Amino acid sequence: MTVKEYVLKALEENKGNCLSGEALAEEIGVSRAAVHKAIKALREEGYDIEAVTNRGYSLSASSDMLSAQGIAAHLAPPYRDLPLHVFKTVDSTNNVAKKLAVDGAAHGTAVLAFHQSSGKGRLGRTFISPANTGIYMSVLLKPLFDMSKSVLITTAASVAVVRAIEKVCGLAPQIKWVNDIYVNGKKICGILTEAITGFETGQIEYLIVGIGINCSTKEFPEDLLEIAGALEGAFSKNQLAAEVLNQLLPLMDHMEDRSFIDDYKSHSMVIGKTVTVYKGGYSPKTSGKQARVLNIDQNGGLEVLYSSGERETLSTGEISIRM
C-alpha cells in the first residue's frame, strides 16, 4: 500500500477519533511530512479530515466516501484480505471485473465505483449510476457447485442484499422476482449476473454478480420517477458494501443446500399477488399475460396460475406488478 492508503486505512478504522501524526509516521515507517502530504491528498479527494491541535488527525464520523480501506474495516474476519478495487469512474464494474477475471483474479474479488458511465441492467438496459449517490459493485465468483444450480445465483444475491440492508440500514426491503429490491414501494436495487466461459472447454469459469444500490439518488429519468427510489436514513455506504460481501460469499459457498430460499420467499412482494408475465422480457410493444403468483420453488422459479387454469413455473422472463 502507498502512504496515502495506509493513512486512510488507519483513519477509517478509527473514524471519529484522533490519530497522532507522529504515531502514524512511526507505524508506517515514514516521515511526518509524508503523512501530512498524504492527509493533504486525501482532503483534495474529498475526505473530511480535521487536524486537532496536540491530538492529530480525525476522519469525520459522517464521512461516507467509498474506499477499499473503509470497506475492509467492516468485513468479517474471513474476508479481511479480499481484493477490493475502488474507482472514481468506470464504464461498468462488470466490465472491469471481466478484465480482472482474464488476469486470474481471486474468488471474491470486488470492484466498486463512485460512478458508472454505462452501467448494465438486465436485458440490455442501462442502470442509471449518478456519481457519489449509490453503491455500484461487481463480485467475481469461481463456481464451486454444479452449474445446473447457477440459476440460483441471482436469487441468493437478492437475499444477501436484503439481509445487508436490514442489518445496516434498519429498513424492511422486499424482493420483486427475480432480482429487484424494493423499499417503501420503490425500486432501490438491481442485480445482474453474467458468466465467463472458457473458449476451449465451454465451461463457466467465473460468474460476475453486479449489484447497483441507490443510496441517495434523487434524479431519475421521467419514465422511472414512479418506480425508482433510494435508501433513506443515516448509514455508511462502506459498511453496507462490506455487509453485502459478508452475506453474499457464505451463500455462494453453500448454494446447494438452498438455505436462503425461505428467506427469499419471506421477503417476496409478489407471492399471492396478480402480476403480468412477459416471457420474452418487457417492452412497450409486448403484451403480457395476467397470472396469480402461487409460490417460489426450491430453484428460485416462479410458480404462476393463469386465468385459463394453466399452471407454469417460470425460470426466465419478467413480471410487472401494480403497486
Protein backbone atom coordinates (compact mmCIF):
# COMPACT_ATOMS: atom_id res chain seq x y z
CA MET A 1 0.00 0.00 0.00
CA THR A 2 1.03 3.60 -0.55
CA VAL A 3 1.45 6.01 2.37
CA LYS A 4 -1.90 7.57 1.46
CA GLU A 5 -3.60 4.17 1.56
CA TYR A 6 -2.03 3.31 4.92
CA VAL A 7 -3.16 6.64 6.38
CA LEU A 8 -6.70 6.23 5.03
CA LYS A 9 -6.88 2.68 6.42
CA ALA A 10 -5.89 3.91 9.88
CA LEU A 11 -8.35 6.81 9.75
CA GLU A 12 -11.22 4.59 8.56
CA GLU A 13 -10.55 2.06 11.31
CA ASN A 14 -10.64 4.89 13.88
CA LYS A 15 -13.31 7.11 12.28
CA GLY A 16 -14.31 9.96 14.57
CA ASN A 17 -11.21 9.57 16.76
CA CYS A 18 -7.91 11.44 16.60
CA LEU A 19 -4.69 9.79 15.49
CA SER A 20 -1.34 11.39 16.14
CA GLY A 21 0.61 12.31 13.02
CA GLU A 22 3.79 11.25 14.79
CA ALA A 23 2.31 7.86 15.72
CA LEU A 24 1.07 7.34 12.17
CA ALA A 25 4.50 8.17 10.76
CA GLU A 26 6.20 5.78 13.17
CA GLU A 27 3.73 2.97 12.47
CA ILE A 28 4.06 3.31 8.69
CA GLY A 29 7.79 3.93 8.80
CA VAL A 30 7.82 7.30 7.05
CA SER A 31 8.37 10.94 7.94
CA ARG A 32 5.68 13.20 9.43
CA ALA A 33 5.96 15.26 6.26
CA ALA A 34 4.93 12.19 4.24
CA VAL A 35 1.90 11.72 6.49
CA HIS A 36 0.98 15.40 6.10
CA LYS A 37 1.29 15.07 2.32
CA ALA A 38 -1.00 12.03 2.38
CA ILE A 39 -3.57 13.91 4.51
CA LYS A 40 -3.48 16.82 2.05
CA ALA A 41 -4.04 14.46 -0.90
CA LEU A 42 -6.98 12.76 0.84
CA ARG A 43 -8.59 16.13 1.59
CA GLU A 44 -8.24 17.09 -2.06
CA GLU A 45 -10.10 13.88 -2.96
CA GLY A 46 -12.97 14.95 -0.74
CA TYR A 47 -12.28 13.26 2.60
CA ASP A 48 -13.37 15.36 5.60
CA ILE A 49 -10.24 15.17 7.76
CA GLU A 50 -9.82 17.55 10.69
CA ALA A 51 -6.50 18.49 12.27
CA VAL A 52 -6.85 18.90 16.04
CA THR A 53 -4.05 20.76 17.84
CA ASN A 54 -1.94 18.45 20.03
CA ARG A 55 -4.18 15.48 19.17
CA GLY A 56 -3.65 14.72 15.49
CA TYR A 57 -5.93 13.93 12.60
CA SER A 58 -9.54 12.75 12.64
CA LEU A 59 -11.75 11.46 9.81
CA SER A 60 -15.25 12.84 10.34
CA ALA A 61 -17.71 10.25 11.57
CA SER A 62 -20.09 11.45 8.86
CA SER A 63 -17.55 10.93 6.06
CA ASP A 64 -19.05 8.45 3.60
CA MET A 65 -16.80 8.09 0.56
CA LEU A 66 -16.37 4.59 -0.78
CA SER A 67 -12.85 3.27 -0.35
CA ALA A 68 -11.16 -0.11 -0.15
CA GLN A 69 -9.91 0.81 3.32
CA GLY A 70 -13.37 1.88 4.50
CA ILE A 71 -14.98 -1.31 3.21
CA ALA A 72 -12.26 -3.56 4.64
CA ALA A 73 -12.81 -2.06 8.10
CA HIS A 74 -16.30 -3.64 8.14
CA LEU A 75 -15.56 -7.02 6.55
CA ALA A 76 -15.95 -10.17 8.63
CA PRO A 77 -12.62 -11.80 9.62
CA PRO A 78 -12.67 -14.48 6.88
CA TYR A 79 -12.90 -11.76 4.22
CA ARG A 80 -10.49 -9.11 5.52
CA ASP A 81 -7.99 -9.86 2.76
CA LEU A 82 -10.42 -9.79 -0.16
CA PRO A 83 -9.05 -7.92 -3.19
CA LEU A 84 -11.05 -4.66 -3.35
CA HIS A 85 -10.80 -2.31 -6.33
CA VAL A 86 -12.47 1.09 -5.96
CA PHE A 87 -12.58 3.53 -8.89
CA LYS A 88 -13.82 7.07 -9.37
CA THR A 89 -15.43 6.34 -12.73
CA VAL A 90 -15.73 3.23 -14.92
CA ASP A 91 -17.97 2.33 -17.84
CA SER A 92 -19.29 -0.69 -15.92
CA THR A 93 -17.99 -2.50 -12.84
CA ASN A 94 -18.98 -5.78 -14.54
CA ASN A 95 -16.69 -4.93 -17.46
CA VAL A 96 -13.78 -4.21 -15.11
CA ALA A 97 -14.46 -7.48 -13.27
CA LYS A 98 -14.34 -9.35 -16.58
CA LYS A 99 -10.89 -7.94 -17.30
CA LEU A 100 -9.69 -8.95 -13.84
CA ALA A 101 -11.04 -12.46 -14.45
CA VAL A 102 -8.93 -12.74 -17.60
CA ASP A 103 -5.92 -11.89 -15.43
CA GLY A 104 -6.79 -14.68 -12.99
CA ALA A 105 -8.37 -12.66 -10.18
CA ALA A 106 -9.25 -14.50 -6.97
CA HIS A 107 -12.69 -15.70 -5.91
CA GLY A 108 -14.48 -12.89 -4.06
CA THR A 109 -12.64 -10.04 -5.80
CA ALA A 110 -14.88 -6.97 -5.69
CA VAL A 111 -14.96 -3.96 -8.00
CA LEU A 112 -16.71 -0.76 -6.87
CA ALA A 113 -17.08 2.68 -8.42
CA PHE A 114 -18.30 6.15 -7.46
CA HIS A 115 -19.87 6.43 -10.92
CA GLN A 116 -20.64 4.27 -13.97
CA SER A 117 -20.91 5.87 -17.38
CA SER A 118 -22.55 2.77 -18.90
CA GLY A 119 -23.99 0.78 -16.02
CA LYS A 120 -25.59 -2.51 -17.06
CA GLY A 121 -29.12 -3.62 -16.31
CA ARG A 122 -30.98 -6.77 -17.32
CA LEU A 123 -31.95 -7.46 -20.93
CA GLY A 124 -29.51 -4.90 -22.30
CA ARG A 125 -30.92 -1.98 -20.35
CA THR A 126 -28.85 0.79 -18.77
CA PHE A 127 -28.57 1.07 -14.99
CA ILE A 128 -28.60 4.76 -14.02
CA SER A 129 -25.49 5.38 -11.87
CA PRO A 130 -25.10 9.05 -10.82
CA ALA A 131 -21.79 9.95 -9.16
CA ASN A 132 -21.46 9.51 -5.39
CA THR A 133 -25.10 8.61 -4.80
CA GLY A 134 -25.01 4.82 -4.85
CA ILE A 135 -23.07 1.61 -4.43
CA TYR A 136 -22.11 0.18 -7.81
CA MET A 137 -20.28 -3.08 -7.31
CA SER A 138 -19.43 -6.35 -9.01
CA VAL A 139 -18.23 -9.51 -7.29
CA LEU A 140 -16.16 -12.11 -9.12
CA LEU A 141 -17.01 -15.71 -8.20
CA LYS A 142 -15.43 -19.02 -9.10
CA PRO A 143 -18.29 -21.55 -9.06
CA LEU A 144 -17.74 -24.37 -6.59
CA PHE A 145 -21.04 -26.11 -7.37
CA ASP A 146 -22.81 -27.94 -10.17
CA MET A 147 -23.54 -25.36 -12.86
CA SER A 148 -27.11 -26.61 -13.14
CA LYS A 149 -27.55 -24.67 -9.89
CA SER A 150 -26.23 -21.41 -11.37
CA VAL A 151 -29.77 -20.07 -11.86
CA LEU A 152 -29.87 -19.71 -8.07
CA ILE A 153 -27.05 -17.15 -8.04
CA THR A 154 -29.27 -14.11 -8.54
CA THR A 155 -31.76 -15.46 -6.01
CA ALA A 156 -29.01 -15.81 -3.41
CA ALA A 157 -27.59 -12.37 -4.24
CA SER A 158 -31.04 -10.82 -3.68
CA VAL A 159 -31.17 -12.39 -0.22
CA ALA A 160 -27.66 -11.14 0.58
CA VAL A 161 -28.61 -7.55 -0.33
CA VAL A 162 -31.85 -7.73 1.67
CA ARG A 163 -30.04 -9.04 4.76
CA ALA A 164 -27.36 -6.34 4.44
CA ILE A 165 -29.93 -3.52 4.15
CA GLU A 166 -31.86 -4.85 7.15
CA LYS A 167 -28.71 -5.03 9.27
CA VAL A 168 -27.03 -1.76 8.27
CA CYS A 169 -30.00 0.50 7.45
CA GLY A 170 -32.71 -0.94 9.68
CA LEU A 171 -35.17 -0.93 6.77
CA ALA A 172 -37.62 -3.59 5.56
CA PRO A 173 -36.79 -4.42 1.92
CA GLN A 174 -38.83 -6.68 -0.34
CA ILE A 175 -37.88 -8.70 -3.42
CA LYS A 176 -39.68 -8.49 -6.75
CA TRP A 177 -38.90 -11.65 -8.66
CA VAL A 178 -36.32 -12.24 -9.76
CA ASN A 179 -33.72 -9.65 -8.84
CA ASP A 180 -35.17 -6.24 -7.91
CA ILE A 181 -35.10 -4.94 -4.34
CA TYR A 182 -37.80 -2.53 -3.21
CA VAL A 183 -38.12 -0.32 -0.13
CA ASN A 184 -41.36 1.52 0.62
CA GLY A 185 -42.74 0.59 -2.78
CA LYS A 186 -39.76 1.94 -4.76
CA LYS A 187 -37.01 0.01 -6.54
CA ILE A 188 -33.69 0.76 -4.89
CA CYS A 189 -31.51 -2.06 -6.20
CA GLY A 190 -30.99 -4.16 -9.32
CA ILE A 191 -28.82 -7.25 -9.75
CA LEU A 192 -27.26 -8.60 -12.93
CA THR A 193 -25.39 -11.90 -13.15
CA GLU A 194 -23.07 -12.65 -16.08
CA ALA A 195 -20.96 -15.72 -16.84
CA ILE A 196 -17.49 -16.06 -18.34
CA THR A 197 -16.89 -19.31 -20.20
CA GLY A 198 -13.64 -20.89 -21.30
CA PHE A 199 -13.12 -20.71 -25.07
CA GLU A 200 -11.79 -24.26 -25.32
CA THR A 201 -13.83 -26.01 -22.65
CA GLY A 202 -17.10 -24.12 -22.94
CA GLN A 203 -17.36 -24.42 -19.14
CA ILE A 204 -18.28 -21.47 -16.92
CA GLU A 205 -15.05 -20.31 -15.26
CA TYR A 206 -16.32 -17.20 -13.49
CA LEU A 207 -19.62 -15.65 -12.51
CA ILE A 208 -19.91 -11.91 -12.08
CA VAL A 209 -22.66 -10.59 -9.83
CA GLY A 210 -23.30 -6.90 -10.49
CA ILE A 211 -25.21 -5.04 -7.77
CA GLY A 212 -26.42 -1.45 -8.01
CA ILE A 213 -27.92 0.14 -4.89
CA ASN A 214 -29.41 3.64 -4.94
CA CYS A 215 -28.33 5.19 -1.64
CA SER A 216 -29.25 8.84 -2.11
CA THR A 217 -30.13 9.12 -5.80
CA LYS A 218 -32.95 11.60 -6.34
CA GLU A 219 -32.76 12.39 -10.04
CA PHE A 220 -34.18 9.74 -12.34
CA PRO A 221 -35.36 9.75 -15.95
CA GLU A 222 -39.02 10.72 -16.25
CA ASP A 223 -40.10 7.18 -17.13
CA LEU A 224 -38.59 5.88 -13.86
CA LEU A 225 -39.87 8.51 -11.45
CA GLU A 226 -42.83 6.44 -10.29
CA ILE A 227 -40.88 3.26 -9.54
CA ALA A 228 -37.29 4.27 -8.68
CA GLY A 229 -36.23 5.32 -5.21
CA ALA A 230 -33.30 5.36 -2.81
CA LEU A 231 -32.46 4.18 0.69
CA GLU A 232 -33.34 6.60 3.45
CA GLY A 233 -31.71 7.38 6.77
CA ALA A 234 -28.16 7.65 8.09
CA PHE A 235 -25.84 4.77 7.25
CA SER A 236 -22.36 4.16 5.89
CA LYS A 237 -22.02 3.14 2.24
CA ASN A 238 -18.71 1.45 3.11
CA GLN A 239 -20.41 -0.59 5.82
CA LEU A 240 -23.32 -1.52 3.55
CA ALA A 241 -20.99 -2.60 0.72
CA ALA A 242 -18.98 -4.69 3.19
CA GLU A 243 -22.10 -6.29 4.62
CA VAL A 244 -23.30 -7.30 1.15
CA LEU A 245 -19.99 -9.16 0.75
CA ASN A 246 -20.27 -10.63 4.27
CA GLN A 247 -23.69 -12.02 3.37
CA LEU A 248 -23.07 -12.98 -0.27
CA LEU A 249 -19.87 -15.01 -0.04
CA PRO A 250 -21.10 -17.56 2.55
CA LEU A 251 -24.23 -18.12 0.45
CA MET A 252 -22.09 -18.82 -2.61
CA ASP A 253 -20.19 -21.48 -0.64
CA HIS A 254 -23.41 -23.26 0.33
CA MET A 255 -25.55 -22.87 -2.78
CA GLU A 256 -26.67 -26.46 -2.97
CA ASP A 257 -28.42 -26.53 0.41
CA ARG A 258 -30.76 -23.72 -0.76
CA SER A 259 -30.97 -22.46 2.82
CA PHE A 260 -31.70 -18.96 1.54
CA ILE A 261 -34.88 -19.83 -0.38
CA ASP A 262 -37.13 -19.48 2.68
CA ASP A 263 -35.66 -16.04 3.31
CA TYR A 264 -36.23 -15.11 -0.33
CA LYS A 265 -39.86 -16.21 -0.11
CA SER A 266 -40.48 -14.39 3.17
CA HIS A 267 -39.31 -11.13 1.55
CA SER A 268 -41.23 -11.67 -1.69
CA MET A 269 -43.58 -8.88 -2.70
CA VAL A 270 -45.32 -10.98 -5.36
CA ILE A 271 -46.46 -14.24 -3.73
CA GLY A 272 -50.25 -14.23 -3.67
CA LYS A 273 -50.43 -11.20 -5.98
CA THR A 274 -51.67 -10.80 -9.55
CA VAL A 275 -48.86 -9.94 -11.96
CA THR A 276 -48.34 -9.56 -15.69
CA VAL A 277 -45.91 -12.08 -17.18
CA TYR A 278 -43.63 -11.15 -20.10
CA LYS A 279 -41.81 -14.29 -21.19
CA GLY A 280 -39.51 -12.56 -23.65
CA GLY A 281 -38.85 -9.58 -21.42
CA TYR A 282 -40.90 -6.42 -21.12
CA SER A 283 -41.11 -3.76 -23.80
CA PRO A 284 -43.83 -1.17 -24.55
CA LYS A 285 -44.80 -3.14 -27.65
CA THR A 286 -45.23 -6.52 -25.95
CA SER A 287 -48.38 -7.70 -24.27
CA GLY A 288 -48.16 -9.92 -21.25
CA LYS A 289 -50.44 -12.46 -19.63
CA GLN A 290 -52.03 -11.94 -16.24
CA ALA A 291 -51.34 -14.59 -13.65
CA ARG A 292 -51.56 -15.14 -9.93
CA VAL A 293 -48.29 -15.97 -8.18
CA LEU A 294 -48.65 -19.16 -6.19
CA ASN A 295 -45.16 -19.71 -4.84
CA ILE A 296 -41.41 -19.68 -5.45
CA ASP A 297 -39.88 -23.13 -5.81
CA GLN A 298 -36.60 -24.51 -4.49
CA ASN A 299 -34.79 -23.45 -7.66
CA GLY A 300 -35.99 -19.84 -7.43
CA GLY A 301 -38.63 -20.44 -10.12
CA LEU A 302 -41.91 -18.52 -10.02
CA GLU A 303 -44.99 -20.71 -9.87
CA VAL A 304 -47.96 -18.96 -11.50
CA LEU A 305 -51.59 -19.70 -12.30
CA TYR A 306 -53.09 -18.12 -15.44
CA SER A 307 -56.74 -17.19 -15.74
CA SER A 308 -57.11 -20.11 -18.17
CA GLY A 309 -56.32 -22.51 -15.34
CA GLU A 310 -52.86 -23.32 -16.74
CA ARG A 311 -50.03 -23.51 -14.23
CA GLU A 312 -46.41 -22.77 -15.09
CA THR A 313 -43.07 -22.40 -13.32
CA LEU A 314 -41.00 -19.55 -14.76
CA SER A 315 -37.22 -19.62 -14.61
CA THR A 316 -36.69 -16.71 -17.01
CA GLY A 317 -38.67 -13.73 -18.22
CA GLU A 318 -40.01 -10.70 -16.44
CA ILE A 319 -43.09 -9.70 -14.47
CA SER A 320 -44.75 -6.42 -13.56
CA ILE A 321 -46.97 -5.74 -10.57
CA ARG A 322 -49.28 -2.82 -9.89
CA MET A 323 -48.06 -1.15 -6.71
